[in-house]
Amino acid sequence: MSGGSYNYLFTAQDLEDLHNRRHDLEEMANRLSGLGYAQDAARETEELLVLFRQWETRASVRMRRLEAVWHAVEWWDSNDSSEQRVHEALAKYRGDNDDAGTPRA
């Protein structure tokens, strides 16, 4: 049998490609860890997985925070809404309003 045990992980072209192969990356980390002489490579492979998880968490939080702003700008630029909606979304994003939506003094 030739190659392919990890779906040709070594051919990943960029971070997006590698991110899409997280399962294979985990399998490779486990395999390297099982080799008594590859602990350094296993650790670095595991660190990549940790970095991906950290990034996913942070990016998800920011994405949720920005969603209403992006929505308002997209709809304004599509002439489906007004600039006022952008200002309102930004005020909420920045925390300029209280929970009832009233501007803070």
Protein backbone atom coordinates (compact mmCIF):
# COMPACT_ATOMS: atom_id res chain seq x y z
CA MET A 1 0.00 0.00 0.00
CA SER A 2 1.35 3.41 -0.87
CA GLY A 3 0.59 6.62 1.03
CA GLY A 4 -2.79 8.05 1.85
CA SER A 5 -3.01 6.83 5.44
CA TYR A 6 -3.66 10.41 6.56
CA ASN A 7 -5.36 11.55 3.34
CA TYR A 8 -2.11 13.05 2.11
CA LEU A 9 -1.97 15.54 4.98
CA PHE A 10 1.47 16.66 3.83
CA THR A 11 -0.07 18.13 0.68
CA ALA A 12 -2.07 20.78 2.55
CA GLN A 13 -1.67 23.97 0.55
CA ASP A 14 -2.53 26.57 3.17
CA LEU A 15 -4.07 27.03 6.62
CA GLU A 16 -7.62 26.70 5.32
CA ASP A 17 -6.75 23.39 3.71
CA LEU A 18 -5.03 22.20 6.89
CA HIS A 19 -7.96 23.40 9.00
CA ASN A 20 -10.30 21.32 6.86
CA ARG A 21 -8.10 18.31 7.60
CA ARG A 22 -8.22 18.60 11.40
CA HIS A 23 -9.21 14.97 11.82
CA ASP A 24 -6.19 13.85 9.83
CA LEU A 25 -4.02 16.26 11.81
CA GLU A 26 -5.28 14.71 15.06
CA GLU A 27 -4.55 11.25 13.73
CA MET A 28 -1.04 12.32 12.77
CA ALA A 29 -0.45 13.84 16.22
CA ASN A 30 -1.55 10.58 17.83
CA ARG A 31 0.68 8.54 15.55
CA LEU A 32 3.71 10.72 16.20
CA SER A 33 3.00 10.64 19.92
CA GLY A 34 3.03 6.85 19.79
CA LEU A 35 6.52 6.87 18.36
CA GLY A 36 9.02 7.13 21.18
CA TYR A 37 11.39 9.21 19.10
CA ALA A 38 9.00 11.84 17.61
CA GLN A 39 7.70 13.62 20.69
CA ASP A 40 8.86 17.03 19.47
CA ALA A 41 6.99 16.67 16.17
CA ALA A 42 3.95 15.28 18.01
CA ARG A 43 3.92 18.28 20.35
CA GLU A 44 4.18 20.77 17.53
CA THR A 45 1.40 19.02 15.61
CA GLU A 46 -0.78 19.11 18.74
CA GLU A 47 0.04 22.81 19.16
CA LEU A 48 -1.36 23.43 15.68
CA LEU A 49 -4.60 21.78 16.75
CA VAL A 50 -4.72 23.93 19.89
CA LEU A 51 -4.14 27.07 17.82
CA PHE A 52 -6.98 26.11 15.49
CA ARG A 53 -9.34 25.55 18.45
CA GLN A 54 -8.36 28.86 20.05
CA TRP A 55 -8.84 30.69 16.79
CA GLU A 56 -12.24 29.06 16.20
CA THR A 57 -13.44 30.13 19.65
CA ARG A 58 -12.19 33.69 19.34
CA ALA A 59 -13.40 34.08 15.77
CA SER A 60 -16.88 32.74 16.65
CA VAL A 61 -17.26 35.24 19.48
CA ARG A 62 -16.21 38.14 17.26
CA MET A 63 -18.41 36.94 14.42
CA ARG A 64 -21.47 36.94 16.68
CA ARG A 65 -20.59 40.42 17.99
CA LEU A 66 -20.25 41.83 14.46
CA GLU A 67 -23.17 40.04 12.83
CA ALA A 68 -25.70 42.87 13.28
CA VAL A 69 -23.21 45.47 12.05
CA TRP A 70 -22.41 43.46 8.94
CA HIS A 71 -26.12 42.89 8.35
CA ALA A 72 -26.90 46.60 8.64
CA VAL A 73 -24.11 47.64 6.26
CA GLU A 74 -24.99 44.96 3.72
CA TRP A 75 -28.65 45.95 3.73
CA TRP A 76 -27.81 49.66 3.51
CA ASP A 77 -25.47 49.05 0.56
CA SER A 78 -28.23 46.98 -1.11
CA ASN A 79 -30.73 49.80 -0.56
CA ASP A 80 -32.81 47.55 1.70
CA SER A 81 -32.26 49.69 4.77
CA SER A 82 -30.99 53.08 5.84
CA GLU A 83 -27.75 54.42 7.23
CA GLN A 84 -29.59 54.93 10.51
CA ARG A 85 -29.73 51.18 10.96
CA VAL A 86 -25.93 51.06 10.64
CA HIS A 87 -25.63 53.69 13.38
CA GLU A 88 -28.01 51.72 15.59
CA ALA A 89 -26.13 48.47 15.04
CA LEU A 90 -22.83 50.20 15.80
CA ALA A 91 -24.24 51.74 18.98
CA LYS A 92 -25.37 48.31 20.15
CA TYR A 93 -22.04 46.75 19.16
CA ARG A 94 -20.16 49.43 21.09
CA GLY A 95 -22.47 49.15 24.09
CA ASP A 96 -23.69 52.73 23.69
CA ASN A 97 -27.27 51.66 24.51
CA ASP A 98 -28.75 50.14 27.63
CA ASP A 99 -30.62 46.83 27.49
CA ALA A 100 -33.81 48.61 26.37
CA GLY A 101 -31.99 50.22 23.42
CA THR A 102 -31.98 53.69 24.97
CA PRO A 103 -28.81 55.70 24.31
CA ARG A 104 -26.59 56.09 27.35
CA ALA A 105 -26.05 59.60 28.64
